[in-house]
Amino acid sequence: AVSLREKQKSLRAESCGIKGGRVVCDMNLTTVKARFLGFPEIETQNGPIVFPFLKAKILALLLIENKRFARDRLCSLLWGDKDPEVAAKNLRNALSCLRTLLPVFVADRQTVSLIRDIEMDCDLDFLKAPRLWELSSVDTLNRPYLDIALLDRWPGFSDWLMSRRSHYRQQLLTGMKARADSEGIALWYERIL
C-alpha cells in the first residue's frame, strides 16, 4: 500500500516533470520567448510553458531578465517572510522544478543562471529600440511589468517590483518622447498620458 505522503510526493514530482526519478527537460531548446509587460508568459519553440506554481514562474522570469542571480537575493525577494533555511529549501525546490522546464545552470553555491546557448526573445528588449515601435504597439508596451495582483503582497518582493515597474515606465516615456521629438508627432507622447 502506498502512503498518503508517498502519493503527495509523487504528485509533486510529476507536476515538476520528474518521472521515475529522472528529470525531464528538453535540452534541445533553442529559443525562449518571455513577456514581462502585462500578464507574464514564457514559451519555447514547443509552446507555452506551464509552471507548477507561481514562484517557479517568477524565478524563471527573473533569471531570463537578469541572466544571473545571487541565491541569497532570490531567497529574500521570493521568500522574504521565511526563515533563511526555509527560504533556501524553497529555492532549491523551485530550481528543481524549473530545471525540468528550462535549462538552469547553477554555477556555484552563490549564483544561478540560465544556460547561455539559448536565444532569449524578451519584450523588455523592445523598450530599448523606440525607432522600431509602431504606434499600434504602444498599448502593449504600456502594460505594467509583471502584472499579477498577488505579487504586490509578497514581502520583500513588492518594493523591488514597484521600482522595476517605475524603471520600465520611465524607459517607455523616454522612448516615446524621443520618438515624438524626432518625428514631430504629438500622437506618440499623448498615447500614454
N, C-alpha and C. Protein backbone atom coordinates (compact mmCIF):
# COMPACT_ATOMS: atom_id res chain seq x y z
N ALA A 1 0.84 -1.18 0.00
CA ALA A 1 0.00 0.00 0.00
C ALA A 1 0.88 1.25 0.00
N VAL A 2 0.46 2.24 -0.75
CA VAL A 2 1.19 3.50 -0.86
C VAL A 2 0.60 4.49 0.14
N SER A 3 1.48 5.08 0.94
CA SER A 3 1.02 6.03 1.95
C SER A 3 0.60 7.35 1.30
N LEU A 4 -0.16 8.13 2.03
CA LEU A 4 -0.61 9.44 1.55
C LEU A 4 0.60 10.33 1.27
N ARG A 5 1.60 10.27 2.14
CA ARG A 5 2.81 11.09 1.97
C ARG A 5 3.52 10.72 0.66
N GLU A 6 3.63 9.43 0.35
CA GLU A 6 4.28 8.99 -0.88
C GLU A 6 3.48 9.43 -2.11
N LYS A 7 2.15 9.40 -2.03
CA LYS A 7 1.30 9.86 -3.13
C LYS A 7 1.52 11.35 -3.38
N GLN A 8 1.56 12.13 -2.28
CA GLN A 8 1.76 13.58 -2.41
C GLN A 8 3.13 13.87 -3.02
N LYS A 9 4.15 13.14 -2.58
CA LYS A 9 5.50 13.33 -3.11
C LYS A 9 5.53 13.00 -4.60
N SER A 10 4.86 11.93 -4.99
CA SER A 10 4.80 11.52 -6.39
C SER A 10 4.08 12.57 -7.25
N LEU A 11 2.96 13.10 -6.74
CA LEU A 11 2.21 14.12 -7.48
C LEU A 11 3.04 15.39 -7.65
N ARG A 12 3.77 15.77 -6.58
CA ARG A 12 4.63 16.94 -6.67
C ARG A 12 5.73 16.73 -7.69
N ALA A 13 6.32 15.55 -7.69
CA ALA A 13 7.38 15.25 -8.65
C ALA A 13 6.84 15.28 -10.07
N GLU A 14 5.66 14.71 -10.29
CA GLU A 14 5.06 14.73 -11.62
C GLU A 14 4.76 16.15 -12.08
N SER A 15 4.28 17.01 -11.16
CA SER A 15 3.99 18.39 -11.54
C SER A 15 5.25 19.15 -11.91
N CYS A 16 6.39 18.69 -11.42
CA CYS A 16 7.67 19.31 -11.76
C CYS A 16 8.35 18.62 -12.94
N GLY A 17 7.70 17.64 -13.53
CA GLY A 17 8.25 16.98 -14.71
C GLY A 17 9.19 15.84 -14.39
N ILE A 18 9.18 15.35 -13.16
CA ILE A 18 10.07 14.27 -12.77
C ILE A 18 9.30 12.96 -12.91
N LYS A 19 9.82 12.07 -13.73
CA LYS A 19 9.16 10.79 -13.95
C LYS A 19 10.13 9.67 -13.62
N GLY A 20 9.74 8.82 -12.71
CA GLY A 20 10.59 7.69 -12.37
C GLY A 20 11.95 8.11 -11.83
N GLY A 21 12.01 9.22 -11.12
CA GLY A 21 13.25 9.69 -10.53
C GLY A 21 14.16 10.44 -11.49
N ARG A 22 13.76 10.62 -12.74
CA ARG A 22 14.58 11.32 -13.72
C ARG A 22 13.97 12.66 -14.07
N VAL A 23 14.81 13.65 -14.24
CA VAL A 23 14.36 14.97 -14.64
C VAL A 23 14.13 14.98 -16.14
N VAL A 24 12.96 15.46 -16.56
CA VAL A 24 12.63 15.51 -17.97
C VAL A 24 12.66 16.97 -18.42
N CYS A 25 13.67 17.31 -19.21
CA CYS A 25 13.79 18.67 -19.75
C CYS A 25 14.23 18.57 -21.19
N ASP A 26 13.64 19.35 -22.03
CA ASP A 26 14.01 19.36 -23.44
C ASP A 26 15.32 20.12 -23.60
N MET A 27 16.42 19.40 -23.70
CA MET A 27 17.73 20.05 -23.81
C MET A 27 17.99 20.55 -25.23
N ASN A 28 17.02 20.38 -26.12
CA ASN A 28 17.16 20.88 -27.48
C ASN A 28 16.54 22.26 -27.64
N LEU A 29 16.23 22.90 -26.54
CA LEU A 29 15.66 24.24 -26.62
C LEU A 29 16.64 25.18 -27.31
N THR A 30 16.14 25.95 -28.24
CA THR A 30 16.99 26.92 -28.92
C THR A 30 16.52 28.35 -28.66
N THR A 31 15.22 28.52 -28.41
CA THR A 31 14.66 29.85 -28.23
C THR A 31 13.67 29.86 -27.08
N VAL A 32 13.76 30.89 -26.27
CA VAL A 32 12.80 31.14 -25.22
C VAL A 32 12.26 32.54 -25.41
N LYS A 33 10.94 32.66 -25.48
CA LYS A 33 10.29 33.97 -25.59
C LYS A 33 9.64 34.29 -24.25
N ALA A 34 9.91 35.49 -23.77
CA ALA A 34 9.36 35.90 -22.48
C ALA A 34 8.63 37.22 -22.60
N ARG A 35 7.44 37.25 -22.03
CA ARG A 35 6.68 38.50 -21.98
C ARG A 35 6.61 38.93 -20.52
N PHE A 36 7.14 40.11 -20.24
CA PHE A 36 7.14 40.68 -18.91
C PHE A 36 6.07 41.76 -18.75
N LEU A 37 5.75 42.43 -19.84
CA LEU A 37 4.79 43.54 -19.79
C LEU A 37 3.39 42.98 -19.92
N GLY A 38 2.55 43.32 -18.94
CA GLY A 38 1.22 42.72 -18.87
C GLY A 38 1.33 41.41 -18.10
N PHE A 39 0.44 40.46 -18.41
CA PHE A 39 0.49 39.17 -17.75
C PHE A 39 1.69 38.39 -18.29
N PRO A 40 2.63 38.01 -17.42
CA PRO A 40 3.86 37.38 -17.91
C PRO A 40 3.64 35.97 -18.43
N GLU A 41 4.34 35.66 -19.51
CA GLU A 41 4.30 34.33 -20.11
C GLU A 41 5.67 33.98 -20.64
N ILE A 42 5.95 32.69 -20.64
CA ILE A 42 7.20 32.19 -21.22
C ILE A 42 6.83 31.04 -22.14
N GLU A 43 7.42 31.07 -23.33
CA GLU A 43 7.19 29.96 -24.25
C GLU A 43 8.49 29.60 -24.95
N THR A 44 8.53 28.37 -25.42
CA THR A 44 9.66 27.87 -26.19
C THR A 44 9.16 27.52 -27.58
N GLN A 45 10.04 26.95 -28.38
CA GLN A 45 9.61 26.52 -29.71
C GLN A 45 8.56 25.41 -29.62
N ASN A 46 8.42 24.80 -28.43
CA ASN A 46 7.43 23.74 -28.23
C ASN A 46 6.09 24.28 -27.73
N GLY A 47 5.99 25.58 -27.47
CA GLY A 47 4.75 26.18 -26.98
C GLY A 47 4.92 26.81 -25.61
N PRO A 48 3.80 27.29 -25.01
CA PRO A 48 3.87 27.94 -23.70
C PRO A 48 4.32 26.96 -22.60
N ILE A 49 5.06 27.48 -21.65
CA ILE A 49 5.49 26.67 -20.51
C ILE A 49 4.44 26.82 -19.41
N VAL A 50 4.03 25.71 -18.85
CA VAL A 50 3.09 25.70 -17.73
C VAL A 50 3.90 25.41 -16.48
N PHE A 51 3.88 26.33 -15.56
CA PHE A 51 4.65 26.19 -14.33
C PHE A 51 3.79 25.59 -13.22
N PRO A 52 4.39 24.75 -12.37
CA PRO A 52 3.61 24.11 -11.32
C PRO A 52 3.15 25.06 -10.21
N PHE A 53 3.89 26.17 -10.03
CA PHE A 53 3.48 27.17 -9.05
C PHE A 53 4.06 28.53 -9.44
N LEU A 54 3.41 29.59 -8.95
CA LEU A 54 3.72 30.95 -9.38
C LEU A 54 5.16 31.35 -9.10
N LYS A 55 5.70 30.99 -7.97
CA LYS A 55 7.06 31.42 -7.66
C LYS A 55 8.09 30.77 -8.58
N ALA A 56 7.81 29.59 -9.09
CA ALA A 56 8.70 28.97 -10.09
C ALA A 56 8.68 29.80 -11.37
N LYS A 57 7.50 30.28 -11.75
CA LYS A 57 7.38 31.12 -12.94
C LYS A 57 8.12 32.44 -12.76
N ILE A 58 7.95 33.07 -11.61
CA ILE A 58 8.62 34.33 -11.34
C ILE A 58 10.13 34.12 -11.29
N LEU A 59 10.58 33.01 -10.71
CA LEU A 59 12.00 32.68 -10.68
C LEU A 59 12.55 32.58 -12.10
N ALA A 60 11.83 31.90 -12.97
CA ALA A 60 12.26 31.78 -14.37
C ALA A 60 12.35 33.16 -15.03
N LEU A 61 11.36 34.00 -14.80
CA LEU A 61 11.36 35.35 -15.37
C LEU A 61 12.54 36.17 -14.86
N LEU A 62 12.83 36.06 -13.57
CA LEU A 62 13.96 36.80 -13.01
C LEU A 62 15.27 36.35 -13.65
N LEU A 63 15.41 35.05 -13.87
CA LEU A 63 16.63 34.54 -14.49
C LEU A 63 16.72 34.95 -15.96
N ILE A 64 15.60 34.98 -16.65
CA ILE A 64 15.62 35.42 -18.04
C ILE A 64 15.99 36.90 -18.14
N GLU A 65 15.40 37.70 -17.28
CA GLU A 65 15.66 39.15 -17.34
C GLU A 65 17.08 39.50 -16.91
N ASN A 66 17.55 38.90 -15.84
CA ASN A 66 18.84 39.29 -15.26
C ASN A 66 20.01 38.40 -15.65
N LYS A 67 19.72 37.31 -16.34
CA LYS A 67 20.74 36.35 -16.79
C LYS A 67 21.38 35.58 -15.65
N ARG A 68 21.62 36.23 -14.54
CA ARG A 68 22.32 35.61 -13.40
C ARG A 68 21.78 36.26 -12.12
N PHE A 69 21.59 35.45 -11.09
CA PHE A 69 21.04 35.98 -9.85
C PHE A 69 21.71 35.31 -8.66
N ALA A 70 21.98 36.08 -7.62
CA ALA A 70 22.52 35.52 -6.39
C ALA A 70 21.41 34.76 -5.66
N ARG A 71 21.75 33.59 -5.13
CA ARG A 71 20.77 32.78 -4.40
C ARG A 71 20.16 33.55 -3.22
N ASP A 72 21.02 34.25 -2.47
CA ASP A 72 20.52 34.99 -1.30
C ASP A 72 19.50 36.04 -1.72
N ARG A 73 19.77 36.70 -2.83
CA ARG A 73 18.84 37.74 -3.32
C ARG A 73 17.51 37.12 -3.75
N LEU A 74 17.57 35.98 -4.43
CA LEU A 74 16.34 35.29 -4.82
C LEU A 74 15.54 34.88 -3.59
N CYS A 75 16.22 34.36 -2.58
CA CYS A 75 15.54 33.96 -1.35
C CYS A 75 14.85 35.16 -0.70
N SER A 76 15.53 36.29 -0.64
CA SER A 76 14.93 37.46 0.02
C SER A 76 13.78 38.04 -0.80
N LEU A 77 13.88 37.98 -2.13
CA LEU A 77 12.79 38.50 -2.97
C LEU A 77 11.56 37.60 -2.93
N LEU A 78 11.76 36.31 -3.07
CA LEU A 78 10.62 35.40 -3.21
C LEU A 78 10.12 34.82 -1.89
N TRP A 79 11.00 34.70 -0.91
CA TRP A 79 10.60 34.13 0.38
C TRP A 79 11.12 34.98 1.53
N GLY A 80 10.98 36.29 1.38
CA GLY A 80 11.48 37.22 2.38
C GLY A 80 10.82 37.09 3.74
N ASP A 81 9.64 36.51 3.78
CA ASP A 81 8.92 36.35 5.04
C ASP A 81 9.28 35.04 5.75
N LYS A 82 10.16 34.25 5.16
CA LYS A 82 10.52 32.94 5.71
C LYS A 82 11.88 32.98 6.39
N ASP A 83 12.10 32.02 7.27
CA ASP A 83 13.39 31.79 7.88
C ASP A 83 14.41 31.49 6.76
N PRO A 84 15.68 31.94 6.87
CA PRO A 84 16.64 31.72 5.79
C PRO A 84 16.79 30.25 5.35
N GLU A 85 16.73 29.31 6.29
CA GLU A 85 16.85 27.89 5.91
C GLU A 85 15.63 27.44 5.11
N VAL A 86 14.46 27.90 5.50
CA VAL A 86 13.23 27.56 4.79
C VAL A 86 13.24 28.20 3.40
N ALA A 87 13.69 29.45 3.34
CA ALA A 87 13.77 30.14 2.05
C ALA A 87 14.73 29.41 1.12
N ALA A 88 15.88 28.98 1.63
CA ALA A 88 16.85 28.25 0.81
C ALA A 88 16.26 26.92 0.34
N LYS A 89 15.53 26.24 1.20
CA LYS A 89 14.89 24.97 0.82
C LYS A 89 13.84 25.22 -0.27
N ASN A 90 13.04 26.28 -0.11
CA ASN A 90 12.03 26.62 -1.12
C ASN A 90 12.68 26.96 -2.46
N LEU A 91 13.82 27.66 -2.42
CA LEU A 91 14.53 27.98 -3.65
C LEU A 91 15.04 26.70 -4.33
N ARG A 92 15.60 25.79 -3.54
CA ARG A 92 16.07 24.52 -4.12
C ARG A 92 14.91 23.76 -4.77
N ASN A 93 13.76 23.75 -4.12
CA ASN A 93 12.58 23.07 -4.67
C ASN A 93 12.14 23.74 -5.99
N ALA A 94 12.09 25.08 -5.99
CA ALA A 94 11.68 25.80 -7.19
C ALA A 94 12.69 25.57 -8.32
N LEU A 95 13.98 25.57 -8.00
CA LEU A 95 15.00 25.31 -9.01
C LEU A 95 14.89 23.89 -9.56
N SER A 96 14.57 22.95 -8.69
CA SER A 96 14.39 21.57 -9.13
C SER A 96 13.25 21.47 -10.14
N CYS A 97 12.16 22.14 -9.85
CA CYS A 97 11.03 22.16 -10.79
C CYS A 97 11.40 22.90 -12.06
N LEU A 98 12.11 24.00 -11.92
CA LEU A 98 12.47 24.83 -13.06
C LEU A 98 13.42 24.10 -14.01
N ARG A 99 14.31 23.28 -13.45
CA ARG A 99 15.25 22.52 -14.29
C ARG A 99 14.54 21.56 -15.24
N THR A 100 13.32 21.20 -14.91
CA THR A 100 12.57 20.29 -15.79
C THR A 100 11.94 21.04 -16.96
N LEU A 101 11.88 22.36 -16.85
CA LEU A 101 11.22 23.18 -17.85
C LEU A 101 12.19 24.00 -18.69
N LEU A 102 13.25 24.46 -18.06
CA LEU A 102 14.26 25.29 -18.72
C LEU A 102 15.64 24.81 -18.27
N PRO A 103 16.64 24.94 -19.14
CA PRO A 103 17.99 24.53 -18.72
C PRO A 103 18.61 25.55 -17.77
N VAL A 104 18.54 25.25 -16.49
CA VAL A 104 19.08 26.12 -15.45
C VAL A 104 20.50 25.67 -15.14
N PHE A 105 21.38 26.63 -14.93
CA PHE A 105 22.76 26.33 -14.62
C PHE A 105 23.07 26.91 -13.25
N VAL A 106 23.53 26.07 -12.35
CA VAL A 106 23.94 26.53 -11.03
C VAL A 106 25.46 26.58 -11.05
N ALA A 107 25.98 27.79 -11.21
CA ALA A 107 27.43 27.97 -11.38
C ALA A 107 28.19 27.61 -10.10
N ASP A 108 27.65 27.99 -8.99
CA ASP A 108 28.27 27.70 -7.70
C ASP A 108 27.18 27.79 -6.64
N ARG A 109 27.56 27.75 -5.40
CA ARG A 109 26.56 27.77 -4.33
C ARG A 109 25.95 29.16 -4.12
N GLN A 110 26.50 30.17 -4.78
CA GLN A 110 26.00 31.53 -4.60
C GLN A 110 25.12 32.04 -5.74
N THR A 111 25.29 31.53 -6.95
CA THR A 111 24.58 32.10 -8.10
C THR A 111 23.85 31.04 -8.92
N VAL A 112 22.83 31.52 -9.62
CA VAL A 112 22.02 30.68 -10.51
C VAL A 112 21.85 31.45 -11.81
N SER A 113 21.87 30.75 -12.93
CA SER A 113 21.63 31.40 -14.22
C SER A 113 21.02 30.39 -15.18
N LEU A 114 20.59 30.88 -16.32
CA LEU A 114 20.14 30.00 -17.40
C LEU A 114 21.32 29.71 -18.30
N ILE A 115 21.28 28.57 -18.97
CA ILE A 115 22.35 28.22 -19.90
C ILE A 115 22.37 29.26 -21.02
N ARG A 116 23.53 29.73 -21.36
CA ARG A 116 23.68 30.88 -22.27
C ARG A 116 23.46 30.55 -23.73
N ASP A 117 23.45 29.30 -24.11
CA ASP A 117 23.34 28.93 -25.52
C ASP A 117 21.94 29.12 -26.08
N ILE A 118 21.02 29.54 -25.26
CA ILE A 118 19.63 29.69 -25.69
C ILE A 118 19.38 31.14 -26.08
N GLU A 119 18.71 31.32 -27.21
CA GLU A 119 18.34 32.66 -27.67
C GLU A 119 17.14 33.13 -26.85
N MET A 120 17.27 34.30 -26.25
CA MET A 120 16.19 34.88 -25.44
C MET A 120 15.53 36.01 -26.22
N ASP A 121 14.24 35.90 -26.41
CA ASP A 121 13.46 36.93 -27.08
C ASP A 121 12.55 37.52 -26.01
N CYS A 122 12.82 38.76 -25.64
CA CYS A 122 12.15 39.36 -24.49
C CYS A 122 11.52 40.70 -24.87
N ASP A 123 10.27 40.91 -24.46
CA ASP A 123 9.60 42.17 -24.80
C ASP A 123 10.28 43.38 -24.17
N LEU A 124 11.01 43.19 -23.08
CA LEU A 124 11.71 44.30 -22.45
C LEU A 124 12.81 44.86 -23.35
N ASP A 125 13.41 43.99 -24.16
CA ASP A 125 14.43 44.44 -25.10
C ASP A 125 13.86 45.42 -26.13
N PHE A 126 12.60 45.23 -26.47
CA PHE A 126 11.93 46.08 -27.43
C PHE A 126 11.80 47.52 -26.91
N LEU A 127 11.73 47.68 -25.58
CA LEU A 127 11.65 49.02 -24.99
C LEU A 127 12.89 49.86 -25.31
N LYS A 128 14.01 49.19 -25.55
CA LYS A 128 15.27 49.88 -25.80
C LYS A 128 15.41 50.37 -27.24
N ALA A 129 14.45 50.04 -28.09
CA ALA A 129 14.55 50.38 -29.51
C ALA A 129 13.33 51.15 -29.99
N PRO A 130 13.14 52.40 -29.52
CA PRO A 130 11.92 53.14 -29.88
C PRO A 130 11.78 53.40 -31.38
N ARG A 131 12.88 53.39 -32.12
CA ARG A 131 12.78 53.60 -33.57
C ARG A 131 12.01 52.48 -34.26
N LEU A 132 11.93 51.32 -33.62
CA LEU A 132 11.24 50.17 -34.21
C LEU A 132 9.76 50.12 -33.85
N TRP A 133 9.34 50.98 -32.94
CA TRP A 133 7.95 50.93 -32.47
C TRP A 133 6.98 51.42 -33.54
N GLU A 134 5.87 50.74 -33.61
CA GLU A 134 4.72 51.21 -34.38
C GLU A 134 3.78 51.86 -33.37
N LEU A 135 3.00 52.81 -33.81
CA LEU A 135 2.06 53.46 -32.90
C LEU A 135 1.11 52.44 -32.27
N SER A 136 0.76 51.41 -33.02
CA SER A 136 -0.15 50.39 -32.50
C SER A 136 0.49 49.53 -31.41
N SER A 137 1.82 49.48 -31.33
CA SER A 137 2.49 48.65 -30.32
C SER A 137 2.61 49.34 -28.97
N VAL A 138 2.30 50.62 -28.90
CA VAL A 138 2.47 51.37 -27.67
C VAL A 138 1.56 50.86 -26.56
N ASP A 139 0.34 50.47 -26.90
CA ASP A 139 -0.57 49.94 -25.88
C ASP A 139 0.02 48.70 -25.22
N THR A 140 0.65 47.85 -25.99
CA THR A 140 1.29 46.65 -25.45
C THR A 140 2.47 47.02 -24.56
N LEU A 141 3.27 47.97 -25.00
CA LEU A 141 4.44 48.40 -24.22
C LEU A 141 4.05 49.14 -22.94
N ASN A 142 2.85 49.68 -22.91
CA ASN A 142 2.38 50.48 -21.78
C ASN A 142 1.81 49.62 -20.65
N ARG A 143 1.80 48.32 -20.80
CA ARG A 143 1.28 47.44 -19.75
C ARG A 143 2.26 47.39 -18.58
N PRO A 144 1.75 47.20 -17.35
CA PRO A 144 2.66 47.12 -16.19
C PRO A 144 3.58 45.89 -16.27
N TYR A 145 4.77 46.06 -15.76
CA TYR A 145 5.74 44.99 -15.64
C TYR A 145 5.21 43.94 -14.65
N LEU A 146 5.21 42.68 -15.05
CA LEU A 146 4.72 41.56 -14.22
C LEU A 146 3.37 41.89 -13.58
N ASP A 147 2.37 42.00 -14.41
CA ASP A 147 1.03 42.41 -13.97
C ASP A 147 0.24 41.23 -13.40
N ILE A 148 0.61 40.84 -12.19
CA ILE A 148 -0.10 39.80 -11.44
C ILE A 148 -0.39 40.38 -10.06
N ALA A 149 -1.65 40.43 -9.71
CA ALA A 149 -2.06 41.10 -8.47
C ALA A 149 -1.39 40.52 -7.23
N LEU A 150 -1.21 39.22 -7.15
CA LEU A 150 -0.64 38.60 -5.95
C LEU A 150 0.79 39.05 -5.65
N LEU A 151 1.53 39.46 -6.65
CA LEU A 151 2.93 39.83 -6.45
C LEU A 151 3.08 41.04 -5.55
N ASP A 152 2.10 41.91 -5.56
CA ASP A 152 2.16 43.11 -4.72
C ASP A 152 2.14 42.77 -3.23
N ARG A 153 1.72 41.56 -2.89
CA ARG A 153 1.57 41.17 -1.49
C ARG A 153 2.74 40.36 -0.95
N TRP A 154 3.71 40.05 -1.77
CA TRP A 154 4.85 39.25 -1.32
C TRP A 154 5.84 40.14 -0.58
N PRO A 155 6.09 39.86 0.69
CA PRO A 155 7.06 40.66 1.45
C PRO A 155 8.43 40.61 0.77
N GLY A 156 9.09 41.74 0.71
CA GLY A 156 10.41 41.80 0.09
C GLY A 156 10.36 41.95 -1.42
N PHE A 157 9.34 41.44 -2.04
CA PHE A 157 9.25 41.47 -3.49
C PHE A 157 8.53 42.73 -3.97
N SER A 158 7.54 43.18 -3.21
CA SER A 158 6.69 44.29 -3.66
C SER A 158 7.49 45.58 -3.88
N ASP A 159 8.42 45.91 -2.99
CA ASP A 159 9.23 47.12 -3.18
C ASP A 159 10.10 47.00 -4.43
N TRP A 160 10.72 45.86 -4.59
CA TRP A 160 11.54 45.62 -5.78
C TRP A 160 10.68 45.71 -7.04
N LEU A 161 9.48 45.11 -6.99
CA LEU A 161 8.58 45.12 -8.14
C LEU A 161 8.17 46.55 -8.51
N MET A 162 7.85 47.35 -7.52
CA MET A 162 7.45 48.74 -7.79
C MET A 162 8.60 49.52 -8.43
N SER A 163 9.81 49.31 -7.96
CA SER A 163 10.94 50.02 -8.56
C SER A 163 11.18 49.57 -10.00
N ARG A 164 11.01 48.28 -10.30
CA ARG A 164 11.16 47.79 -11.67
C ARG A 164 10.06 48.34 -12.57
N ARG A 165 8.83 48.39 -12.05
CA ARG A 165 7.74 48.96 -12.84
C ARG A 165 8.01 50.42 -13.17
N SER A 166 8.50 51.15 -12.18
CA SER A 166 8.83 52.55 -12.39
C SER A 166 9.96 52.69 -13.42
N HIS A 167 10.96 51.84 -13.33
CA HIS A 167 12.08 51.87 -14.26
C HIS A 167 11.60 51.67 -15.70
N TYR A 168 10.79 50.65 -15.92
CA TYR A 168 10.33 50.37 -17.29
C TYR A 168 9.33 51.40 -17.78
N ARG A 169 8.55 51.94 -16.89
CA ARG A 169 7.63 53.02 -17.27
C ARG A 169 8.43 54.24 -17.73
N GLN A 170 9.48 54.57 -16.99
CA GLN A 170 10.33 55.71 -17.36
C GLN A 170 11.04 55.44 -18.68
N GLN A 171 11.46 54.21 -18.90
CA GLN A 171 12.10 53.85 -20.17
C GLN A 171 11.13 54.04 -21.33
N LEU A 172 9.87 53.67 -21.13
CA LEU A 172 8.85 53.86 -22.15
C LEU A 172 8.62 55.35 -22.43
N LEU A 173 8.48 56.14 -21.37
CA LEU A 173 8.25 57.58 -21.54
C LEU A 173 9.41 58.25 -22.26
N THR A 174 10.63 57.88 -21.91
CA THR A 174 11.81 58.44 -22.56
C THR A 174 11.83 58.09 -24.04
N GLY A 175 11.53 56.84 -24.35
CA GLY A 175 11.49 56.41 -25.75
C GLY A 175 10.39 57.11 -26.53
N MET A 176 9.23 57.28 -25.90
CA MET A 176 8.11 57.95 -26.56
C MET A 176 8.45 59.41 -26.84
N LYS A 177 9.06 60.04 -25.86
CA LYS A 177 9.41 61.45 -26.04
C LYS A 177 10.45 61.60 -27.15
N ALA A 178 11.45 60.73 -27.16
CA ALA A 178 12.48 60.79 -28.21
C ALA A 178 11.86 60.56 -29.58
N ARG A 179 10.96 59.62 -29.65
CA ARG A 179 10.30 59.32 -30.93
C ARG A 179 9.45 60.51 -31.37
N ALA A 180 8.71 61.11 -30.44
CA ALA A 180 7.86 62.26 -30.76
C ALA A 180 8.71 63.46 -31.18
N ASP A 181 9.80 63.71 -30.45
CA ASP A 181 10.68 64.83 -30.78
C ASP A 181 11.32 64.66 -32.15
N SER A 182 11.75 63.44 -32.46
CA SER A 182 12.43 63.21 -33.74
C SER A 182 11.47 63.27 -34.92
N GLU A 183 10.22 62.91 -34.70
CA GLU A 183 9.27 62.89 -35.80
C GLU A 183 8.31 64.07 -35.76
N GLY A 184 8.37 64.83 -34.68
CA GLY A 184 7.47 65.96 -34.54
C GLY A 184 6.01 65.55 -34.44
N ILE A 185 5.77 64.39 -33.88
CA ILE A 185 4.41 63.87 -33.79
C ILE A 185 3.97 63.84 -32.33
N ALA A 186 2.99 64.64 -32.01
CA ALA A 186 2.48 64.69 -30.64
C ALA A 186 1.71 63.43 -30.29
N LEU A 187 1.23 62.70 -31.30
CA LEU A 187 0.46 61.48 -31.04
C LEU A 187 1.22 60.47 -30.20
N TRP A 188 2.52 60.38 -30.42
CA TRP A 188 3.31 59.40 -29.70
C TRP A 188 3.25 59.64 -28.20
N TYR A 189 3.48 60.87 -27.82
CA TYR A 189 3.54 61.17 -26.40
C TYR A 189 2.16 61.19 -25.77
N GLU A 190 1.18 61.66 -26.50
CA GLU A 190 -0.19 61.70 -25.98
C GLU A 190 -0.77 60.31 -25.78
N ARG A 191 -0.27 59.36 -26.51
CA ARG A 191 -0.79 57.99 -26.47
C ARG A 191 -0.72 57.38 -25.06
N ILE A 192 0.30 57.75 -24.29
CA ILE A 192 0.45 57.14 -22.98
C ILE A 192 0.12 58.06 -21.82
N LEU A 193 -0.22 59.30 -22.11
CA LEU A 193 -0.54 60.21 -21.00
C LEU A 193 -1.98 60.13 -20.59
